C-alpha atoms as a PDB file:
ATOM      1  CA  MET A   1     -36.208  -6.735 -27.531  1.00  0.00           C
ATOM      2  CA  VAL A   2     -35.667 -10.508 -27.777  1.00  0.00           C
ATOM      3  CA  GLU A   3     -34.621 -10.235 -31.463  1.00  0.00           C
ATOM      4  CA  ARG A   4     -32.159  -7.479 -30.572  1.00  0.00           C
ATOM      5  CA  ALA A   5     -30.568  -9.675 -27.834  1.00  0.00           C
ATOM      6  CA  ARG A   6     -30.336 -12.667 -30.278  1.00  0.00           C
ATOM      7  CA  SER A   7     -28.696 -10.355 -32.881  1.00  0.00           C
ATOM      8  CA  SER A   8     -26.069  -9.288 -30.297  1.00  0.00           C
ATOM      9  CA  LEU A   9     -25.413 -12.758 -29.324  1.00  0.00           C
ATOM     10  CA  ARG A  10     -24.930 -13.751 -32.956  1.00  0.00           C
ATOM     11  CA  LEU A  11     -22.519 -10.825 -33.402  1.00  0.00           C
ATOM     12  CA  ILE A  12     -20.482 -11.743 -30.178  1.00  0.00           C
ATOM     13  CA  ALA A  13     -20.297 -15.398 -31.553  1.00  0.00           C
ATOM     14  CA  THR A  14     -19.154 -14.151 -34.958  1.00  0.00           C
ATOM     15  CA  ILE A  15     -16.564 -11.875 -33.373  1.00  0.00           C
ATOM     16  CA  ALA A  16     -15.199 -14.649 -31.205  1.00  0.00           C
ATOM     17  CA  LEU A  17     -15.030 -17.195 -33.973  1.00  0.00           C
ATOM     18  CA  SER A  18     -13.302 -14.618 -36.225  1.00  0.00           C
ATOM     19  CA  GLY A  19     -10.708 -13.755 -33.582  1.00  0.00           C
ATOM     20  CA  LEU A  20      -9.988 -17.437 -32.776  1.00  0.00           C
ATOM     21  CA  LEU A  21      -9.533 -18.387 -36.410  1.00  0.00           C
ATOM     22  CA  VAL A  22      -7.341 -15.460 -37.368  1.00  0.00           C
ATOM     23  CA  ALA A  23      -5.210 -16.066 -34.451  1.00  0.00           C
ATOM     24  CA  CYS A  24      -4.313 -19.421 -36.033  1.00  0.00           C
ATOM     25  CA  VAL A  25      -4.539 -18.728 -39.757  1.00  0.00           C
ATOM     26  CA  ALA A  26      -3.608 -15.446 -41.361  1.00  0.00           C
ATOM     27  CA  ARG A  27      -5.217 -14.254 -44.534  1.00  0.00           C
ATOM     28  CA  PRO A  28      -4.174 -16.599 -47.569  1.00  0.00           C
ATOM     29  CA  VAL A  29      -1.891 -14.906 -49.913  1.00  0.00           C
ATOM     30  CA  GLY A  30      -1.461 -15.694 -53.685  1.00  0.00           C
ATOM     31  CA  ASP A  31       0.949 -14.488 -56.371  1.00  0.00           C
ATOM     32  CA  PHE A  32       2.893 -11.278 -55.775  1.00  0.00           C
ATOM     33  CA  GLY A  33       1.882 -11.128 -52.207  1.00  0.00           C
ATOM     34  CA  ARG A  34      -1.755 -10.202 -53.120  1.00  0.00           C
ATOM     35  CA  ALA A  35      -4.533 -11.561 -50.899  1.00  0.00           C
ATOM     36  CA  GLU A  36      -6.665 -14.590 -52.009  1.00  0.00           C
ATOM     37  CA  PRO A  37     -10.466 -14.311 -51.529  1.00  0.00           C
ATOM     38  CA  GLY A  38     -12.259 -16.332 -48.883  1.00  0.00           C
ATOM     39  CA  VAL A  39     -15.567 -16.204 -47.040  1.00  0.00           C
ATOM     40  CA  LEU A  40     -13.982 -15.845 -43.495  1.00  0.00           C
ATOM     41  CA  HIS A  41     -11.648 -13.072 -44.424  1.00  0.00           C
ATOM     42  CA  ASP A  42     -13.772 -11.301 -46.934  1.00  0.00           C
ATOM     43  CA  THR A  43     -17.246 -11.661 -45.433  1.00  0.00           C
ATOM     44  CA  MET A  44     -17.397 -12.901 -41.855  1.00  0.00           C
ATOM     45  CA  MET A  45     -14.552 -10.853 -40.291  1.00  0.00           C
ATOM     46  CA  PRO A  46     -15.330  -7.596 -42.106  1.00  0.00           C
ATOM     47  CA  PHE A  47     -18.963  -7.979 -41.098  1.00  0.00           C
ATOM     48  CA  ALA A  48     -17.928  -8.368 -37.334  1.00  0.00           C
ATOM     49  CA  GLY A  49     -15.349  -5.563 -37.758  1.00  0.00           C
ATOM     50  CA  ASP A  50     -17.742  -3.003 -39.145  1.00  0.00           C
ATOM     51  CA  ARG A  51     -19.976  -3.479 -36.111  1.00  0.00           C
ATOM     52  CA  ILE A  52     -17.138  -3.279 -33.611  1.00  0.00           C
ATOM     53  CA  ALA A  53     -15.727  -0.134 -35.328  1.00  0.00           C
ATOM     54  CA  SER A  54     -19.149   1.399 -35.125  1.00  0.00           C
ATOM     55  CA  MET A  55     -19.310   0.527 -31.481  1.00  0.00           C
ATOM     56  CA  ARG A  56     -15.861   2.275 -31.064  1.00  0.00           C
ATOM     57  CA  GLY A  57     -17.540   5.353 -32.506  1.00  0.00           C
ATOM     58  CA  GLU A  58     -15.765   5.155 -35.847  1.00  0.00           C
ATOM     59  CA  PRO A  59     -17.416   6.032 -39.183  1.00  0.00           C
ATOM     60  CA  VAL A  60     -18.600   3.043 -41.150  1.00  0.00           C
ATOM     61  CA  SER A  61     -19.824   3.445 -44.698  1.00  0.00           C
ATOM     62  CA  GLY A  62     -22.768   1.387 -46.085  1.00  0.00           C
ATOM     63  CA  PHE A  63     -21.433   1.909 -49.695  1.00  0.00           C
ATOM     64  CA  ASN A  64     -20.320  -0.953 -51.800  1.00  0.00           C
ATOM     65  CA  LYS A  65     -16.627  -0.704 -52.801  1.00  0.00           C
ATOM     66  CA  THR A  66     -15.522   0.491 -56.268  1.00  0.00           C
ATOM     67  CA  ASP A  67     -13.197  -1.709 -58.402  1.00  0.00           C
ATOM     68  CA  GLN A  68     -10.506   0.968 -57.605  1.00  0.00           C
ATOM     69  CA  GLU A  69     -10.919   0.441 -53.886  1.00  0.00           C
ATOM     70  CA  VAL A  70     -10.810  -3.201 -54.114  1.00  0.00           C
ATOM     71  CA  GLU A  71      -7.588  -2.878 -56.348  1.00  0.00           C
ATOM     72  CA  MET A  72      -5.977  -0.636 -53.746  1.00  0.00           C
ATOM     73  CA  ALA A  73      -6.645  -2.895 -50.905  1.00  0.00           C
ATOM     74  CA  ASP A  74      -5.209  -5.845 -52.747  1.00  0.00           C
ATOM     75  CA  ARG A  75      -2.110  -3.970 -53.786  1.00  0.00           C
ATOM     76  CA  VAL A  76      -1.487  -2.335 -50.415  1.00  0.00           C
ATOM     77  CA  TRP A  77      -1.954  -5.655 -48.680  1.00  0.00           C
ATOM     78  CA  ARG A  78       1.498  -7.098 -49.477  1.00  0.00           C
ATOM     79  CA  PHE A  79       3.049  -4.182 -47.691  1.00  0.00           C
ATOM     80  CA  LEU A  80       1.190  -4.835 -44.502  1.00  0.00           C
ATOM     81  CA  MET A  81       2.504  -8.222 -44.023  1.00  0.00           C
ATOM     82  CA  ALA A  82       5.229 -10.636 -45.200  1.00  0.00           C
ATOM     83  CA  PRO A  83       4.534 -14.345 -45.158  1.00  0.00           C
ATOM     84  CA  HIS A  84       7.950 -15.192 -46.527  1.00  0.00           C
ATOM     85  CA  ALA A  85       9.437 -13.861 -43.335  1.00  0.00           C
ATOM     86  CA  LYS A  86       7.509 -15.696 -40.741  1.00  0.00           C
ATOM     87  CA  ASP A  87       5.332 -13.056 -39.449  1.00  0.00           C
ATOM     88  CA  TRP A  88       7.920 -10.454 -39.024  1.00  0.00           C
ATOM     89  CA  ALA A  89       5.489  -7.998 -40.261  1.00  0.00           C
ATOM     90  CA  PHE A  90       2.756  -9.180 -37.920  1.00  0.00           C
ATOM     91  CA  ASP A  91       0.431 -10.972 -40.450  1.00  0.00           C
ATOM     92  CA  ALA A  92      -1.994 -12.272 -37.880  1.00  0.00           C
ATOM     93  CA  SER A  93      -2.617  -8.970 -36.018  1.00  0.00           C
ATOM     94  CA  VAL A  94      -2.699  -7.210 -39.438  1.00  0.00           C
ATOM     95  CA  GLU A  95      -5.693  -9.206 -40.413  1.00  0.00           C
ATOM     96  CA  LEU A  96      -7.457  -8.090 -37.254  1.00  0.00           C
ATOM     97  CA  GLN A  97      -6.622  -4.490 -37.929  1.00  0.00           C
ATOM     98  CA  ARG A  98      -7.710  -4.782 -41.675  1.00  0.00           C
ATOM     99  CA  THR A  99     -11.096  -6.100 -40.768  1.00  0.00           C
ATOM    100  CA  ARG A 100     -11.451  -3.395 -37.977  1.00  0.00           C
ATOM    101  CA  ILE A 101     -11.887  -5.996 -35.188  1.00  0.00           C
ATOM    102  CA  ILE A 102      -9.112  -4.223 -33.331  1.00  0.00           C
ATOM    103  CA  PRO A 103      -7.939  -0.481 -33.792  1.00  0.00           C
ATOM    104  CA  PRO A 104      -4.615   0.196 -35.486  1.00  0.00           C
ATOM    105  CA  LYS A 105      -1.723  -0.886 -33.403  1.00  0.00           C
ATOM    106  CA  ASP A 106       1.124  -0.921 -35.948  1.00  0.00           C
ATOM    107  CA  GLY A 107       2.651   2.271 -34.558  1.00  0.00           C
ATOM    108  CA  TYR A 108       4.191   0.187 -31.663  1.00  0.00           C
ATOM    109  CA  TYR A 109       6.053  -2.243 -33.928  1.00  0.00           C
ATOM    110  CA  ARG A 110       9.864  -2.706 -33.337  1.00  0.00           C
ATOM    111  CA  THR A 111      12.204  -2.481 -36.332  1.00  0.00           C
ATOM    112  CA  ASP A 112      14.452  -5.199 -35.241  1.00  0.00           C
ATOM    113  CA  ARG A 113      12.039  -8.148 -35.983  1.00  0.00           C
ATOM    114  CA  TYR A 114      13.181  -8.447 -39.652  1.00  0.00           C
ATOM    115  CA  TYR A 115      16.801  -8.622 -38.584  1.00  0.00           C
ATOM    116  CA  GLU A 116      15.836 -11.241 -35.976  1.00  0.00           C
ATOM    117  CA  TYR A 117      14.196 -13.355 -38.606  1.00  0.00           C
ATOM    118  CA  LEU A 118      17.235 -13.187 -40.893  1.00  0.00           C
ATOM    119  CA  LYS A 119      19.599 -13.932 -37.844  1.00  0.00           C
ATOM    120  CA  GLN A 120      17.635 -16.970 -36.802  1.00  0.00           C
ATOM    121  CA  THR A 121      17.156 -18.312 -40.368  1.00  0.00           C
ATOM    122  CA  PRO A 122      19.985 -21.103 -40.961  1.00  0.00           C
ATOM    123  CA  TYR A 123      21.317 -19.918 -44.256  1.00  0.00           C
ATOM    124  CA  GLN A 124      24.315 -21.950 -45.585  1.00  0.00           C
ATOM    125  CA  SER A 125      26.140 -18.749 -46.267  1.00  0.00           C
ATOM    126  CA  SER A 126      26.162 -15.457 -44.338  1.00  0.00           C
ATOM    127  CA  ARG A 127      26.235 -13.629 -47.748  1.00  0.00           C
ATOM    128  CA  THR A 128      22.727 -15.041 -48.471  1.00  0.00           C
ATOM    129  CA  ARG A 129      21.261 -12.774 -45.814  1.00  0.00           C
ATOM    130  CA  TYR A 130      22.339  -9.737 -47.714  1.00  0.00           C
ATOM    131  CA  SER A 131      20.937 -11.329 -50.903  1.00  0.00           C
ATOM    132  CA  THR A 132      17.511 -11.872 -49.033  1.00  0.00           C
ATOM    133  CA  VAL A 133      17.363  -8.211 -47.866  1.00  0.00           C
ATOM    134  CA  GLY A 134      18.373  -6.964 -51.311  1.00  0.00           C
ATOM    135  CA  GLY A 135      15.778  -9.171 -53.011  1.00  0.00           C
ATOM    136  CA  ASN A 136      13.031  -8.116 -50.650  1.00  0.00           C
ATOM    137  CA  ILE A 137      13.688  -4.408 -51.173  1.00  0.00           C
ATOM    138  CA  SER A 138      13.809  -4.923 -55.057  1.00  0.00           C
ATOM    139  CA  ILE A 139      10.380  -6.693 -55.026  1.00  0.00           C
ATOM    140  CA  ASP A 140       8.976  -3.810 -53.092  1.00  0.00           C
ATOM    141  CA  ILE A 141      10.407  -1.257 -55.398  1.00  0.00           C
ATOM    142  CA  GLU A 142       8.964  -3.158 -58.426  1.00  0.00           C
ATOM    143  CA  THR A 143       5.433  -3.187 -57.082  1.00  0.00           C
ATOM    144  CA  LEU A 144       5.378   0.436 -55.667  1.00  0.00           C
ATOM    145  CA  PRO A 145       4.535   2.237 -58.833  1.00  0.00           C
ATOM    146  CA  SER A 146       1.398   0.157 -59.402  1.00  0.00           C
ATOM    147  CA  THR A 147       0.482   0.567 -55.730  1.00  0.00           C
ATOM    148  CA  PHE A 148       0.919   4.373 -55.941  1.00  0.00           C
ATOM    149  CA  ALA A 149      -1.337   4.429 -59.082  1.00  0.00           C
ATOM    150  CA  ALA A 150      -3.947   2.402 -57.303  1.00  0.00           C
ATOM    151  CA  ILE A 151      -4.064   4.716 -54.375  1.00  0.00           C
ATOM    152  CA  CYS A 152      -4.221   7.728 -56.632  1.00  0.00           C
ATOM    153  CA  ALA A 153      -7.211   6.119 -58.315  1.00  0.00           C
ATOM    154  CA  VAL A 154      -9.076   5.886 -54.964  1.00  0.00           C
ATOM    155  CA  ILE A 155      -8.136   9.508 -54.132  1.00  0.00           C
ATOM    156  CA  GLU A 156      -9.847  10.572 -57.330  1.00  0.00           C
ATOM    157  CA  ILE A 157     -12.916   8.332 -56.683  1.00  0.00           C
ATOM    158  CA  ASP A 158     -13.438  10.203 -53.330  1.00  0.00           C
ATOM    159  CA  GLN A 159     -13.208  13.450 -55.157  1.00  0.00           C
ATOM    160  CA  GLN A 160     -15.764  12.292 -57.674  1.00  0.00           C
ATOM    161  CA  ARG A 161     -18.111  11.249 -54.769  1.00  0.00           C
ATOM    162  CA  ALA A 162     -17.832  14.586 -53.201  1.00  0.00           C
ATOM    163  CA  ALA A 163     -18.469  16.341 -56.501  1.00  0.00           C
ATOM    164  CA  ALA A 164     -21.465  14.070 -57.272  1.00  0.00           C
ATOM    165  CA  LEU A 165     -22.891  14.511 -53.641  1.00  0.00           C
ATOM    166  CA  LYS A 166     -22.695  18.425 -53.975  1.00  0.00           C
ATOM    167  CA  SER A 167     -24.527  18.420 -57.395  1.00  0.00           C
ATOM    168  CA  LEU A 168     -27.151  15.677 -56.630  1.00  0.00           C
ATOM    169  CA  ARG A 169     -27.725  16.002 -52.894  1.00  0.00           C
ATOM    170  CA  ALA A 170     -31.589  16.803 -53.265  1.00  0.00           C
ATOM    171  CA  ASP A 171     -31.985  13.538 -55.295  1.00  0.00           C
ATOM    172  CA  LEU A 172     -30.073  11.143 -52.980  1.00  0.00           C
ATOM    173  CA  PRO A 173     -30.997   9.030 -49.928  1.00  0.00           C
ATOM    174  CA  ALA A 174     -30.756  10.741 -46.596  1.00  0.00           C
ATOM    175  CA  THR A 175     -27.720   8.543 -45.667  1.00  0.00           C
ATOM    176  CA  ALA A 176     -25.695   9.503 -48.733  1.00  0.00           C
ATOM    177  CA  SER A 177     -23.871  12.324 -47.126  1.00  0.00           C
ATOM    178  CA  GLY A 178     -22.837  10.244 -44.071  1.00  0.00           C
ATOM    179  CA  ASP A 179     -21.788   7.250 -46.278  1.00  0.00           C
ATOM    180  CA  VAL A 180     -19.556   9.452 -48.463  1.00  0.00           C
ATOM    181  CA  ALA A 181     -17.768  11.076 -45.444  1.00  0.00           C
ATOM    182  CA  ALA A 182     -17.369   7.463 -43.796  1.00  0.00           C
ATOM    183  CA  ARG A 183     -15.934   5.974 -46.950  1.00  0.00           C
ATOM    184  CA  LYS A 184     -13.489   8.925 -47.229  1.00  0.00           C
ATOM    185  CA  TYR A 185     -12.523   8.291 -43.648  1.00  0.00           C
ATOM    186  CA  GLU A 186     -12.014   4.509 -44.340  1.00  0.00           C
ATOM    187  CA  ASN A 187      -9.982   5.146 -47.469  1.00  0.00           C
ATOM    188  CA  ASP A 188      -7.822   7.773 -45.749  1.00  0.00           C
ATOM    189  CA  ALA A 189      -7.191   5.457 -42.964  1.00  0.00           C
ATOM    190  CA  TYR A 190      -6.141   2.656 -45.198  1.00  0.00           C
ATOM    191  CA  ILE A 191      -3.905   4.893 -47.053  1.00  0.00           C
ATOM    192  CA  ALA A 192      -2.271   6.201 -43.888  1.00  0.00           C
ATOM    193  CA  TRP A 193      -1.756   2.598 -42.915  1.00  0.00           C
ATOM    194  CA  PHE A 194       0.106   2.001 -46.030  1.00  0.00           C
ATOM    195  CA  VAL A 195       2.326   4.949 -45.419  1.00  0.00           C
ATOM    196  CA  ARG A 196       3.225   3.754 -41.887  1.00  0.00           C
ATOM    197  CA  ALA A 197       3.819   0.131 -43.293  1.00  0.00           C
ATOM    198  CA  LEU A 198       6.189   1.322 -45.948  1.00  0.00           C
ATOM    199  CA  GLU A 199       8.065   3.562 -43.542  1.00  0.00           C
ATOM    200  CA  TYR A 200       8.344   0.518 -41.181  1.00  0.00           C
ATOM    201  CA  ARG A 201       9.721  -1.702 -43.957  1.00  0.00           C
ATOM    202  CA  TYR A 202      12.284   0.906 -44.949  1.00  0.00           C
ATOM    203  CA  LYS A 203      13.510   1.250 -41.343  1.00  0.00           C
ATOM    204  CA  SER A 204      13.422  -2.601 -40.839  1.00  0.00           C
ATOM    205  CA  TYR A 205      15.631  -3.065 -43.910  1.00  0.00           C
ATOM    206  CA  ASP A 206      17.889  -0.260 -42.696  1.00  0.00           C
ATOM    207  CA  PHE A 207      18.173  -1.884 -39.297  1.00  0.00           C
ATOM    208  CA  ALA A 208      18.921  -5.230 -40.736  1.00  0.00           C
ATOM    209  CA  LEU A 209      21.637  -3.967 -43.031  1.00  0.00           C
ATOM    210  CA  ASN A 210      23.397  -2.007 -40.272  1.00  0.00           C
ATOM    211  CA  SER A 211      23.306  -4.986 -38.071  1.00  0.00           C
ATOM    212  CA  LEU A 212      24.571  -7.459 -40.734  1.00  0.00           C
ATOM    213  CA  VAL A 213      27.375  -5.105 -41.480  1.00  0.00           C
ATOM    214  CA  VAL A 214      28.672  -5.433 -37.904  1.00  0.00           C
ATOM    215  CA  GLU A 215      27.745  -9.142 -37.581  1.00  0.00           C
ATOM    216  CA  THR A 216      29.019 -10.578 -40.836  1.00  0.00           C
ATOM    217  CA  PRO A 217      30.619  -7.834 -43.009  1.00  0.00           C
ATOM    218  CA  HIS A 218      30.537  -8.547 -46.668  1.00  0.00           C
ATOM    219  CA  ALA A 219      30.944  -6.473 -49.970  1.00  0.00           C
ATOM    220  CA  GLN A 220      27.316  -7.433 -50.777  1.00  0.00           C
ATOM    221  CA  SER A 221      26.207  -4.728 -48.171  1.00  0.00           C
ATOM    222  CA  LEU A 222      26.958  -2.136 -50.897  1.00  0.00           C
ATOM    223  CA  GLY A 223      24.180  -3.601 -53.265  1.00  0.00           C
ATOM    224  CA  VAL A 224      21.681  -3.649 -50.440  1.00  0.00           C
ATOM    225  CA  ASP A 225      22.585  -0.040 -49.539  1.00  0.00           C
ATOM    226  CA  ASP A 226      22.011   1.015 -53.120  1.00  0.00           C
ATOM    227  CA  ALA A 227      18.743  -0.779 -53.161  1.00  0.00           C
ATOM    228  CA  LEU A 228      17.714   1.152 -49.954  1.00  0.00           C
ATOM    229  CA  GLN A 229      18.559   4.341 -51.655  1.00  0.00           C
ATOM    230  CA  ARG A 230      16.292   3.600 -54.527  1.00  0.00           C
ATOM    231  CA  LEU A 231      13.518   2.760 -52.072  1.00  0.00           C
ATOM    232  CA  HIS A 232      13.856   5.925 -50.026  1.00  0.00           C
ATOM    233  CA  PRO A 233      12.291   8.335 -52.623  1.00  0.00           C
ATOM    234  CA  TYR A 234       9.038   6.156 -52.555  1.00  0.00           C
ATOM    235  CA  VAL A 235       9.087   6.442 -48.769  1.00  0.00           C
ATOM    236  CA  GLU A 236       9.474  10.196 -48.916  1.00  0.00           C
ATOM    237  CA  ARG A 237       6.617  10.541 -51.611  1.00  0.00           C
ATOM    238  CA  ALA A 238       4.269   8.269 -49.380  1.00  0.00           C
ATOM    239  CA  ASN A 239       4.970  10.455 -46.466  1.00  0.00           C
ATOM    240  CA  ARG A 240       3.855  13.589 -48.485  1.00  0.00           C
ATOM    241  CA  HIS A 241       0.890  11.570 -49.760  1.00  0.00           C
ATOM    242  CA  ASP A 242       2.220  12.236 -53.237  1.00  0.00           C
ATOM    243  CA  PHE A 243       0.672   9.239 -54.998  1.00  0.00           C
ATOM    244  CA  CYS A 244      -0.728  11.154 -57.955  1.00  0.00           C
ATOM    245  CA  GLY A 245       2.553  13.089 -58.989  1.00  0.00           C
ATOM    246  CA  ASP A 246       0.896  16.315 -57.726  1.00  0.00           C
ATOM    247  CA  GLY A 247       3.348  16.917 -54.889  1.00  0.00           C
ATOM    248  CA  GLY A 248       0.754  15.723 -52.346  1.00  0.00           C
ATOM    249  CA  SER A 249      -1.732  18.456 -53.017  1.00  0.00           C
ATOM    250  CA  GLY A 250      -4.560  15.853 -53.157  1.00  0.00           C
ATOM    251  CA  ARG A 251      -6.035  17.448 -56.255  1.00  0.00           C
ATOM    252  CA  GLY A 252      -5.965  14.275 -58.331  1.00  0.00           C
ATOM    253  CA  ARG A 253      -6.303  14.258 -62.232  1.00  0.00           C
ATOM    254  CA  VAL A 254     -10.027  13.755 -62.887  1.00  0.00           C
ATOM    255  CA  THR A 255     -12.815  16.282 -63.508  1.00  0.00           C
ATOM    256  CA  VAL A 256     -16.356  15.211 -62.702  1.00  0.00           C
ATOM    257  CA  VAL A 257     -19.252  16.528 -64.971  1.00  0.00           C
ATOM    258  CA  ILE A 258     -22.879  15.909 -63.719  1.00  0.00           C
ATOM    259  CA  PRO A 259     -25.116  15.806 -66.693  1.00  0.00           C
ATOM    260  CA  SER A 260     -28.198  17.920 -67.005  1.00  0.00           C
ATOM    261  CA  ARG A 261     -31.600  16.482 -65.874  1.00  0.00           C
ATOM    262  CA  PHE A 262     -33.023  17.450 -69.383  1.00  0.00           C
ATOM    263  CA  GLN A 263     -30.920  14.740 -70.981  1.00  0.00           C
ATOM    264  CA  LYS A 264     -32.945  11.794 -72.360  1.00  0.00           C
ATOM    265  CA  GLN A 265     -33.353   8.865 -70.121  1.00  0.00           C
ATOM    266  CA  GLY A 266     -30.457   6.564 -70.170  1.00  0.00           C
ATOM    267  CA  ASP A 267     -27.937   9.270 -70.796  1.00  0.00           C
ATOM    268  CA  ASN A 268     -27.886  10.798 -67.326  1.00  0.00           C
ATOM    269  CA  GLU A 269     -24.781   9.216 -65.809  1.00  0.00           C
ATOM    270  CA  ILE A 270     -21.574  10.602 -64.453  1.00  0.00           C
ATOM    271  CA  VAL A 271     -18.965  11.271 -67.100  1.00  0.00           C
ATOM    272  CA  LEU A 272     -15.237  11.082 -66.178  1.00  0.00           C
ATOM    273  CA  LEU A 273     -13.052  13.320 -68.188  1.00  0.00           C
ATOM    274  CA  LYS A 274      -9.305  12.630 -68.058  1.00  0.00           C
END
């Protein structure tokens, strides 16, 4: 009883420390907007967040993450926040959501924040604001194909887990089924977050362009509008969850074969056929 109370106190202290630090320092970002590793953001806060999420009644998987899941999280991260724009994409609160310390709240974000950032930034030329919007959109477009591919790979991993669980259920720990379901829940939630984030970016860019056309009309608006039109198909595909080029059916592209138990020792591993 005493040890349980001590564990609870340690958890509360960890949560409080994590919340205090993230309120002051968002997750560090490296090249191309990808998150940099660190003990606070990769160990302490997720540890606290998993326990808080469990207390909220959300599924929490005990599985280690695959390389594909880590890759997806890294690539999606840049769409969840934007350090170059001084928190217009809520980088501090996003970190609390990513680590599950707080539940998702991005559905309440206003799309005028990006325009306000542009409006308050003292550019030497009003044309530069158009260049900024166009440049931000172009970077998003350049990174979306690899992000979609990373998400597709995770969808396939979840399918592989389900197939393996079905074939090997009798030889697995009692917790395996729950962990598979929980990891599917976690991955689906992260993918859904990316979809909302991409939609939010598109609407924020659109709001900014419309507002700039009224505030400081320039011919550069045509180039930004063209960039938005090139971004729009990705937004539509994301909303359909069409990350694998299958129209959003969720079938994926990988077949999983569970080897026979009569194979010689050392050969009984899951084989992926592509």
